[in-house]
Protein backbone atom coordinates (compact mmCIF):
# COMPACT_ATOMS: atom_id res chain seq x y z
CA UNK A 1 6.80 -7.59 -28.47
CA UNK A 2 3.31 -8.37 -27.21
CA UNK A 3 0.87 -10.19 -29.45
CA UNK A 4 -1.82 -8.09 -31.07
CA UNK A 5 -5.23 -8.19 -29.45
CA UNK A 6 -7.92 -9.33 -31.91
CA UNK A 7 -11.29 -7.66 -31.44
CA UNK A 8 -14.59 -7.06 -33.19
CA UNK A 9 -15.98 -3.55 -33.63
CA UNK A 10 -19.78 -3.50 -33.96
CA UNK A 11 -21.40 -0.11 -34.43
CA UNK A 12 -25.05 -0.35 -33.38
CA UNK A 13 -27.71 2.11 -34.52
CA UNK A 14 -31.45 2.18 -35.25
CA UNK A 15 -33.46 2.88 -38.38
CA UNK A 16 -34.75 6.44 -38.38
CA UNK A 17 -32.03 7.74 -36.04
CA UNK A 18 -29.01 9.82 -37.13
CA UNK A 19 -27.22 6.92 -38.80
CA UNK A 20 -24.92 9.41 -40.57
CA UNK A 21 -23.42 10.23 -37.16
CA UNK A 22 -23.04 6.53 -36.36
CA UNK A 23 -21.21 5.95 -39.66
CA UNK A 24 -18.78 8.76 -38.89
CA UNK A 25 -18.23 7.46 -35.34
CA UNK A 26 -17.46 3.98 -36.70
CA UNK A 27 -15.00 5.30 -39.28
CA UNK A 28 -13.05 7.37 -36.73
CA UNK A 29 -13.11 4.66 -34.07
CA UNK A 30 -11.80 2.06 -36.52
CA UNK A 31 -8.91 4.32 -37.56
CA UNK A 32 -8.04 5.09 -33.92
CA UNK A 33 -8.08 1.45 -32.86
CA UNK A 34 -5.84 0.40 -35.73
CA UNK A 35 -3.35 3.11 -34.74
CA UNK A 36 -3.16 1.37 -31.37
CA UNK A 37 -1.86 -1.75 -33.13
CA UNK A 38 -5.02 -3.75 -32.40
CA UNK A 39 -6.39 -6.08 -35.05
CA UNK A 40 -10.06 -5.60 -36.00
CA UNK A 41 -11.47 -8.87 -37.32
CA UNK A 42 -14.65 -7.62 -39.01
CA UNK A 43 -15.88 -4.89 -41.34
CA UNK A 44 -19.59 -4.91 -40.52
CA UNK A 45 -20.31 -1.19 -40.87
CA UNK A 46 -23.36 0.07 -38.97
CA UNK A 47 -25.82 -2.59 -37.77
CA UNK A 48 -29.45 -1.57 -37.25
CA UNK A 49 -31.18 -4.87 -36.60
CA UNK A 50 -30.79 -6.79 -33.32
CA UNK A 51 -30.59 -10.12 -35.14
CA UNK A 52 -27.70 -8.79 -37.23
CA UNK A 53 -25.83 -7.67 -34.10
CA UNK A 54 -26.22 -11.11 -32.55
CA UNK A 55 -25.16 -12.89 -35.74
CA UNK A 56 -22.09 -10.66 -36.10
CA UNK A 57 -21.02 -11.37 -32.51
CA UNK A 58 -21.36 -15.11 -33.11
CA UNK A 59 -19.16 -14.83 -36.20
CA UNK A 60 -16.54 -13.05 -34.13
CA UNK A 61 -16.70 -15.83 -31.55
CA UNK A 62 -16.03 -18.34 -34.33
CA UNK A 63 -13.06 -16.21 -35.43
CA UNK A 64 -11.60 -16.48 -31.90
CA UNK A 65 -11.91 -12.78 -31.17
CA UNK A 66 -10.56 -11.72 -27.80
CA UNK A 67 -13.39 -9.24 -27.21
CA UNK A 68 -16.14 -7.22 -28.91
CA UNK A 69 -16.50 -3.44 -28.70
CA UNK A 70 -20.10 -2.32 -29.16
CA UNK A 71 -19.93 1.26 -30.38
CA UNK A 72 -23.33 2.82 -29.70
CA UNK A 73 -23.96 5.15 -32.64
CA UNK A 74 -27.41 6.47 -31.74
CA UNK A 75 -30.34 5.62 -29.54
CA UNK A 76 -30.74 1.83 -29.80
CA UNK A 77 -32.86 -1.08 -28.65
CA UNK A 78 -30.73 -2.84 -26.05
CA UNK A 79 -31.85 -6.37 -26.90
CA UNK A 80 -29.30 -6.66 -29.72
CA UNK A 81 -26.30 -5.97 -27.51
CA UNK A 82 -27.65 -7.98 -24.58
CA UNK A 83 -28.37 -10.97 -26.83
CA UNK A 84 -25.03 -10.68 -28.60
CA UNK A 85 -23.07 -10.75 -25.34
CA UNK A 86 -25.10 -13.62 -23.94
CA UNK A 87 -24.95 -15.76 -27.05
CA UNK A 88 -21.35 -15.11 -28.09
CA UNK A 89 -19.86 -15.39 -24.61
CA UNK A 90 -17.13 -12.91 -25.55
CA UNK A 91 -15.90 -10.12 -23.27
CA UNK A 92 -17.67 -6.91 -24.21
CA UNK A 93 -17.15 -3.17 -24.01
CA UNK A 94 -19.99 -0.67 -24.49
CA UNK A 95 -18.79 2.60 -26.02
CA UNK A 96 -20.91 5.71 -25.63
CA UNK A 97 -20.10 8.93 -27.47
CA UNK A 98 -20.68 12.33 -25.74
CA UNK A 99 -22.33 14.00 -28.74
CA UNK A 100 -25.89 15.38 -28.24
CA UNK A 101 -27.41 15.07 -31.74
CA UNK A 102 -26.71 11.34 -32.10
CA UNK A 103 -28.21 10.33 -28.71
CA UNK A 104 -25.32 7.85 -28.41
CA UNK A 105 -24.95 8.60 -24.69
CA UNK A 106 -28.58 7.70 -24.09
CA UNK A 107 -28.30 4.48 -26.07
CA UNK A 108 -25.14 3.51 -24.16
CA UNK A 109 -26.91 4.23 -20.87
CA UNK A 110 -29.79 1.88 -21.62
CA UNK A 111 -27.42 -0.89 -22.73
CA UNK A 112 -25.15 -0.44 -19.73
CA UNK A 113 -28.07 -0.31 -17.30
CA UNK A 114 -29.65 -3.43 -18.78
CA UNK A 115 -26.41 -5.37 -18.50
CA UNK A 116 -25.91 -4.23 -14.89
CA UNK A 117 -29.45 -5.25 -13.98
CA UNK A 118 -28.87 -8.71 -15.44
CA UNK A 119 -25.39 -9.00 -13.86
CA UNK A 120 -23.72 -9.39 -17.26
CA UNK A 121 -20.05 -8.41 -17.09
CA UNK A 122 -18.91 -5.64 -19.45
CA UNK A 123 -16.63 -2.65 -19.77
CA UNK A 124 -18.09 0.86 -20.18
CA UNK A 125 -16.21 3.37 -22.35
CA UNK A 126 -17.26 7.00 -22.81
CA UNK A 127 -15.52 9.40 -25.15
CA UNK A 128 -15.37 10.69 -28.71
CA UNK A 129 -14.27 8.06 -31.24
CA UNK A 130 -10.95 9.82 -31.85
CA UNK A 131 -10.27 10.72 -28.21
CA UNK A 132 -6.79 9.45 -27.32
CA UNK A 133 -7.54 8.80 -23.65
CA UNK A 134 -10.57 6.68 -24.55
CA UNK A 135 -8.59 4.80 -27.18
CA UNK A 136 -5.84 4.11 -24.63
CA UNK A 137 -8.42 2.74 -22.19
CA UNK A 138 -9.87 0.57 -24.95
CA UNK A 139 -6.38 -0.67 -25.89
CA UNK A 140 -5.62 -1.66 -22.29
CA UNK A 141 -8.92 -3.51 -22.11
CA UNK A 142 -8.32 -5.29 -25.43
CA UNK A 143 -4.82 -6.34 -24.35
CA UNK A 144 -6.20 -7.71 -21.06
CA UNK A 145 -8.80 -9.69 -23.01
CA UNK A 146 -6.04 -11.06 -25.23
CA UNK A 147 -4.13 -12.24 -22.14
CA UNK A 148 -7.33 -13.87 -20.88
CA UNK A 149 -7.76 -15.73 -24.17
CA UNK A 150 -4.18 -17.01 -24.15
CA UNK A 151 -4.35 -18.08 -20.51
CA UNK A 152 -7.61 -19.90 -21.12
CA UNK A 153 -5.89 -22.18 -23.65
CA UNK A 154 -2.51 -22.45 -21.89
CA UNK A 155 -0.75 -25.56 -20.60
CA UNK A 156 1.23 -25.28 -17.37
CA UNK A 157 3.91 -27.84 -16.53
CA UNK A 158 4.38 -28.29 -12.78
CA UNK A 159 7.69 -30.17 -12.56
CA UNK A 160 8.02 -31.55 -9.05
CA UNK A 161 6.11 -30.67 -5.90
CA UNK A 162 6.17 -27.98 -3.25
CA UNK A 163 9.65 -26.84 -2.23
CA UNK A 164 11.05 -25.93 1.22
CA UNK A 165 7.67 -25.74 2.99
CA UNK A 166 6.75 -22.65 0.97
CA UNK A 167 2.99 -22.99 1.33
CA UNK A 168 2.28 -19.90 -0.77
CA UNK A 169 3.90 -21.46 -3.84
CA UNK A 170 1.29 -24.22 -3.92
CA UNK A 171 -2.18 -23.93 -5.46
CA UNK A 172 -5.17 -26.02 -6.51
CA UNK A 173 -4.99 -27.10 -10.18
CA UNK A 174 -8.76 -27.55 -10.24
CA UNK A 175 -9.27 -23.98 -9.04
CA UNK A 176 -6.86 -22.73 -11.70
CA UNK A 177 -8.69 -24.67 -14.39
CA UNK A 178 -12.05 -23.39 -13.16
CA UNK A 179 -11.03 -19.72 -13.02
CA UNK A 180 -8.46 -19.29 -15.77
CA UNK A 181 -8.99 -22.32 -18.00
CA UNK A 182 -5.28 -23.23 -17.94
CA UNK A 183 -4.46 -26.93 -17.76
CA UNK A 184 -1.91 -27.90 -15.08
CA UNK A 185 0.14 -30.94 -16.07
CA UNK A 186 2.07 -32.51 -13.18
CA UNK A 187 5.45 -33.85 -14.34
CA UNK A 188 7.99 -35.64 -12.16
CA UNK A 189 11.43 -34.03 -11.85
CA UNK A 190 12.84 -37.45 -12.71
CA UNK A 191 11.80 -36.84 -16.32
CA UNK A 192 14.07 -33.79 -16.57
CA UNK A 193 16.84 -35.50 -14.59
CA UNK A 194 16.96 -38.58 -16.80
CA UNK A 195 16.88 -36.51 -19.99
CA UNK A 196 19.74 -34.35 -18.65
CA UNK A 197 21.86 -37.36 -17.79
CA UNK A 198 21.34 -38.79 -21.27
CA UNK A 199 22.71 -35.66 -23.02
CA UNK A 200 26.34 -35.98 -24.11
CA UNK A 201 28.90 -33.57 -22.66
CA UNK A 202 29.92 -32.52 -26.17
CA UNK A 203 26.34 -31.51 -27.03
CA UNK A 204 25.99 -29.42 -23.89
CA UNK A 205 29.40 -27.80 -24.42
CA UNK A 206 28.57 -26.99 -28.04
CA UNK A 207 25.34 -25.28 -27.01
CA UNK A 208 27.20 -23.36 -24.34
CA UNK A 209 29.77 -22.16 -26.90
CA UNK A 210 26.87 -20.94 -29.08
CA UNK A 211 25.48 -18.65 -26.39
CA UNK A 212 28.39 -17.67 -24.12
CA UNK A 213 29.31 -14.67 -26.26
CA UNK A 214 26.10 -12.94 -25.22
CA UNK A 215 27.12 -12.78 -21.57
CA UNK A 216 29.99 -11.59 -19.38
CA UNK A 217 32.43 -13.78 -17.48
CA UNK A 218 31.90 -17.42 -16.54
CA UNK A 219 33.70 -17.89 -13.24
CA UNK A 220 32.57 -21.46 -12.69
CA UNK A 221 34.10 -24.91 -13.26
CA UNK A 222 33.42 -26.38 -16.69
CA UNK A 223 31.90 -29.46 -15.06
CA UNK A 224 29.17 -27.36 -13.42
CA UNK A 225 28.56 -25.41 -16.61
CA UNK A 226 28.11 -28.62 -18.62
CA UNK A 227 25.70 -30.11 -16.08
CA UNK A 228 23.72 -26.87 -15.92
CA UNK A 229 23.53 -26.72 -19.72
CA UNK A 230 22.28 -30.31 -19.78
CA UNK A 231 19.44 -29.34 -17.47
CA UNK A 232 18.59 -26.43 -19.75
CA UNK A 233 18.50 -28.65 -22.84
CA UNK A 234 16.43 -31.27 -21.00
CA UNK A 235 14.00 -28.63 -19.75
CA UNK A 236 13.52 -27.28 -23.28
CA UNK A 237 12.87 -30.82 -24.49
CA UNK A 238 10.22 -31.40 -21.81
CA UNK A 239 8.52 -28.08 -22.60
CA UNK A 240 8.29 -29.02 -26.28
CA UNK A 241 7.31 -32.64 -25.63
CA UNK A 242 4.46 -31.69 -23.30
CA UNK A 243 3.49 -28.63 -25.38
CA UNK A 244 3.82 -26.32 -22.38
CA UNK A 245 3.16 -22.59 -22.45
CA UNK A 246 4.71 -22.14 -19.01
CA UNK A 247 6.46 -24.29 -16.44
CA UNK A 248 7.88 -24.30 -12.93
CA UNK A 249 10.47 -26.73 -11.63
CA UNK A 250 11.03 -27.53 -7.95
CA UNK A 251 14.86 -27.67 -7.99
CA UNK A 252 15.50 -27.04 -4.27
CA UNK A 253 15.95 -30.22 -2.29
CA UNK A 254 15.70 -33.26 -4.55
CA UNK A 255 17.11 -31.99 -7.83
CA UNK A 256 19.96 -29.80 -6.63
CA UNK A 257 21.10 -32.45 -4.15
CA UNK A 258 20.93 -35.22 -6.74
CA UNK A 259 22.44 -33.48 -9.77
CA UNK A 260 22.79 -29.68 -9.97
CA UNK A 261 20.74 -26.51 -9.60
CA UNK A 262 18.24 -25.35 -12.22
CA UNK A 263 19.34 -21.70 -12.08
CA UNK A 264 21.04 -21.57 -15.47
CA UNK A 265 18.28 -23.65 -17.07
CA UNK A 266 15.50 -21.37 -15.82
CA UNK A 267 17.43 -18.22 -16.72
CA UNK A 268 18.23 -19.34 -20.25
CA UNK A 269 14.71 -20.63 -20.85
CA UNK A 270 13.37 -17.13 -20.12
CA UNK A 271 16.15 -15.50 -22.13
CA UNK A 272 15.03 -17.50 -25.14
CA UNK A 273 11.33 -16.72 -24.89
CA UNK A 274 9.91 -19.30 -22.47
CA UNK A 275 7.96 -18.63 -19.28
CA UNK A 276 9.66 -20.74 -16.61
CA UNK A 277 10.08 -20.32 -12.87
CA UNK A 278 11.60 -22.37 -10.07
CA UNK A 279 10.54 -23.57 -6.60
CA UNK A 280 7.30 -24.89 -8.14
CA UNK A 281 5.71 -21.50 -7.51
CA UNK A 282 2.40 -21.92 -9.31
CA UNK A 283 0.98 -18.49 -8.58
CA UNK A 284 4.22 -16.75 -9.54
CA UNK A 285 4.34 -18.59 -12.85
CA UNK A 286 0.76 -17.65 -13.66
CA UNK A 287 1.60 -14.04 -12.80
CA UNK A 288 4.71 -14.16 -15.02
CA UNK A 289 2.67 -15.51 -17.91
CA UNK A 290 0.04 -12.79 -17.53
CA UNK A 291 2.60 -9.97 -17.37
CA UNK A 292 4.44 -11.31 -20.39
CA UNK A 293 1.23 -11.45 -22.40
CA UNK A 294 0.49 -7.85 -21.45
CA UNK A 295 3.96 -6.48 -22.20
CA UNK A 296 5.61 -8.90 -24.61
CA UNK A 297 8.67 -8.88 -22.35
CA UNK A 298 9.91 -11.45 -19.80
CA UNK A 299 8.64 -11.10 -16.25
CA UNK A 300 10.12 -12.82 -13.25
CA UNK A 301 9.80 -13.39 -9.54
CA UNK A 302 11.95 -13.22 -6.48
CA UNK A 303 11.95 -12.40 -2.81
CA UNK A 304 11.06 -8.94 -1.57
CA UNK A 305 14.27 -8.66 0.41
CA UNK A 306 13.63 -5.28 2.05
CA UNK A 307 11.22 -2.34 1.81
CA UNK A 308 12.28 1.01 3.28
CA UNK A 309 9.18 2.96 4.25
CA UNK A 310 10.99 6.33 4.30
CA UNK A 311 12.90 6.14 1.02
CA UNK A 312 10.27 3.93 -0.69
CA UNK A 313 13.15 1.73 -1.81
CA UNK A 314 12.55 -1.98 -2.31
CA UNK A 315 15.19 -4.62 -2.90
CA UNK A 316 14.32 -7.79 -4.78
CA UNK A 317 16.46 -10.89 -5.07
CA UNK A 318 16.20 -14.34 -6.59
CA UNK A 319 18.24 -17.28 -5.33
CA UNK A 320 19.92 -17.81 -8.68
CA UNK A 321 17.63 -17.28 -11.68
CA UNK A 322 16.43 -14.17 -13.50
CA UNK A 323 16.10 -13.31 -17.21
CA UNK A 324 19.34 -11.58 -18.18
CA UNK A 325 17.37 -9.20 -20.39
CA UNK A 326 16.68 -7.44 -17.09
CA UNK A 327 20.35 -6.46 -17.02
CA UNK A 328 21.47 -3.30 -18.80
CA UNK A 329 23.79 -5.29 -21.07
CA UNK A 330 24.53 -8.96 -21.55
CA UNK A 331 28.20 -8.33 -20.77
CA UNK A 332 27.17 -7.13 -17.28
CA UNK A 333 25.98 -10.65 -16.44
CA UNK A 334 28.53 -12.87 -14.74
CA UNK A 335 27.98 -16.56 -14.07
CA UNK A 336 29.22 -18.02 -10.78
CA UNK A 337 28.87 -21.24 -8.76
CA UNK A 338 25.77 -21.53 -6.61
CA UNK A 339 26.23 -21.34 -2.83
CA UNK A 340 27.12 -24.66 -1.21
CA UNK A 341 24.36 -24.49 1.39
CA UNK A 342 21.73 -24.42 -1.37
CA UNK A 343 22.40 -28.06 -2.20
CA UNK A 344 25.05 -30.68 -2.69
CA UNK A 345 24.96 -30.51 -6.50
CA UNK A 346 25.77 -26.80 -6.62
CA UNK A 347 25.22 -25.40 -10.12
CA UNK A 348 25.77 -22.13 -11.96
CA UNK A 349 23.79 -18.93 -11.60
CA UNK A 350 23.95 -15.38 -13.00
CA UNK A 351 24.73 -12.34 -10.88
CA UNK A 352 23.85 -8.82 -12.02
CA UNK A 353 21.89 -5.71 -11.10
CA UNK A 354 18.60 -5.02 -12.84
CA UNK A 355 18.62 -2.09 -15.25
CA UNK A 356 16.79 1.17 -14.64
CA UNK A 357 13.32 1.76 -16.04
CA UNK A 358 9.61 1.77 -15.21
CA UNK A 359 8.51 -1.43 -13.55
CA UNK A 360 5.24 -3.04 -12.53
CA UNK A 361 4.60 -5.57 -9.79
CA UNK A 362 1.76 -8.04 -10.17
CA UNK A 363 1.42 -11.16 -8.03
CA UNK A 364 -1.52 -13.52 -7.70
CA UNK A 365 -1.78 -14.65 -4.11
CA UNK A 366 -4.68 -16.12 -2.15
CA UNK A 367 -6.64 -15.05 0.92
CA UNK A 368 -8.82 -17.81 2.36
CA UNK A 369 -8.71 -19.57 -0.99
CA UNK A 370 -9.73 -16.49 -3.02
CA UNK A 371 -7.30 -15.00 -5.50
CA UNK A 372 -6.02 -11.47 -5.01
CA UNK A 373 -3.54 -9.65 -7.24
CA UNK A 374 -1.24 -7.06 -5.74
CA UNK A 375 -0.54 -4.38 -8.36
CA UNK A 376 2.06 -1.67 -7.87
CA UNK A 377 4.30 0.46 -10.04
CA UNK A 378 7.76 1.85 -9.52
CA UNK A 379 11.06 2.78 -11.10
CA UNK A 380 14.04 0.45 -11.07
CA UNK A 381 17.51 1.94 -10.59
CA UNK A 382 21.02 0.51 -10.56
CA UNK A 383 23.52 0.11 -7.76
CA UNK A 384 27.21 -0.85 -7.90
CA UNK A 385 28.10 -4.52 -8.10
CA UNK A 386 29.85 -4.44 -4.73
CA UNK A 387 26.48 -3.69 -3.08
CA UNK A 388 25.05 -6.71 -4.88
CA UNK A 389 27.70 -9.28 -3.92
CA UNK A 390 27.89 -7.98 -0.35
CA UNK A 391 24.46 -9.59 0.17
CA UNK A 392 24.53 -12.59 -2.21
CA UNK A 393 26.09 -13.46 -5.55
CA UNK A 394 22.59 -13.69 -7.00
CA UNK A 395 20.69 -11.44 -9.43
CA UNK A 396 19.10 -8.49 -7.64
CA UNK A 397 17.18 -5.30 -8.30
CA UNK A 398 16.32 -2.01 -6.66
CA UNK A 399 13.26 0.13 -7.25
CA UNK A 400 11.37 3.04 -5.78
CA UNK A 401 7.73 2.16 -5.11
CA UNK A 402 5.43 4.83 -6.55
CA UNK A 403 2.64 4.18 -4.04
CA UNK A 404 2.57 3.68 -0.29
CA UNK A 405 5.47 1.31 0.54
CA UNK A 406 3.84 0.23 3.79
CA UNK A 407 0.63 -0.72 2.00
CA UNK A 408 2.73 -2.56 -0.59
CA UNK A 409 4.53 -4.61 2.04
CA UNK A 410 1.40 -5.37 4.06
CA UNK A 411 -0.43 -6.63 0.98
CA UNK A 412 2.27 -9.11 -0.03
CA UNK A 413 0.79 -12.61 0.17
CA UNK A 414 4.05 -14.47 -0.38
CA UNK A 415 7.78 -14.07 0.12
CA UNK A 416 7.80 -13.87 -3.69
CA UNK A 417 6.56 -11.14 -5.97
CA UNK A 418 6.53 -10.85 -9.75
CA UNK A 419 7.65 -7.85 -11.75
CA UNK A 420 8.08 -6.83 -15.37
CA UNK A 421 9.35 -3.75 -17.14
CA UNK A 422 6.84 -1.25 -18.46
CA UNK A 423 3.82 0.68 -17.21
CA UNK A 424 1.38 -2.21 -16.94
CA UNK A 425 -0.77 -1.18 -13.99
CA UNK A 426 -3.89 -0.29 -15.98
CA UNK A 427 -3.63 -3.44 -18.11
CA UNK A 428 -3.34 -5.59 -14.98
CA UNK A 429 -6.32 -3.85 -13.43
CA UNK A 430 -8.37 -4.48 -16.58
CA UNK A 431 -7.26 -8.12 -16.56
CA UNK A 432 -8.40 -8.68 -12.98
CA UNK A 433 -11.74 -7.01 -13.73
CA UNK A 434 -12.43 -9.76 -16.27
CA UNK A 435 -12.59 -12.31 -13.43
CA UNK A 436 -15.23 -12.03 -10.71
CA UNK A 437 -13.14 -14.54 -8.70
CA UNK A 438 -10.15 -12.17 -8.45
CA UNK A 439 -9.77 -9.14 -6.22
CA UNK A 440 -7.17 -6.53 -7.09
CA UNK A 441 -5.23 -4.36 -4.64
CA UNK A 442 -3.69 -1.37 -6.42
CA UNK A 443 -0.99 0.47 -4.51
């Protein structure tokens, strides 16, 4: 379940205008927003003085609002809204109402035009206060602003360095801090390794016995299961100790050769509500965090194995980790030993086919140092297990791309892509629009 967006609703009017219309607009808009499961932080009523609008916006800033919606009730003086946005620093939406007596449309036009002239970012809404399409657009915007707020305060644990010469998994922590506000904390894999080694076998086995009933078969040696569980427990400890909101661990190379793979650890961490990836893929982890904030459900990444231009079918695969909530049932998830060529320490990984349902791709890649998010929608469908294991005993998924599959493939900026269940395309588009440093490519 996604967190509720927390917004302010400021209805702006002017003395002498049809304030009765503004009051009715505010009442209907408030009821419609609350039906969308969005929290409204204030109860200001109709504001008719520019100083009051600015003061109300500042109070909302102090209440940690994700955004402010300025509902234009009548003709207005634009200085109140302009000053409120400038002084509060909060994301803002201007809402004009297509009703002729109120002159709301005209007031919204002057506010919107002023903000455009001054290059002040904002969202423009236009519709009746109880119009469902407008309320849906507002809800998507509010949810995107909520994701922005969470990301701005997030801590990212980068555990280990770049893996297997995958250049696209690396990124600049200073750029991330400057654009998104997230703090990237670099942590050595040795921290996780030493914690894992210090955990007693009995503790790891007890934790395994607590959770194994939620999955299918475990066709792996107990020794590998215990070691993999130790890595999971150690990873959870590091996440809590460093107060991380998301993390990515290198695994391939050093860790898997020295001890075991991180496949089970990463899978279980996501199963139990964390945002964790492997291969130290910074951009994938950021994308996973954003999608999870927008949907409330786990998102994950993997390779785009194939894209068939004629059938629009795409196959995705991860080399051993994927949230098992992406399977139809927990009992459909089998756990098997990792392939020997992946590393000397082997490990345990799940194998299953992703369940059917609407799905959204969203991956932050970079072109010449500038961020670009590829956004695409599709429908996942299931295939028999023998078609899965014929390729790899790894978790895999199949989906039909709704848009142009060739454009989708040609706009991939990494071997990896991130996906999550749900129709999230409009929310992702709204999210990208909040950042002038991000381009979006919608397929």
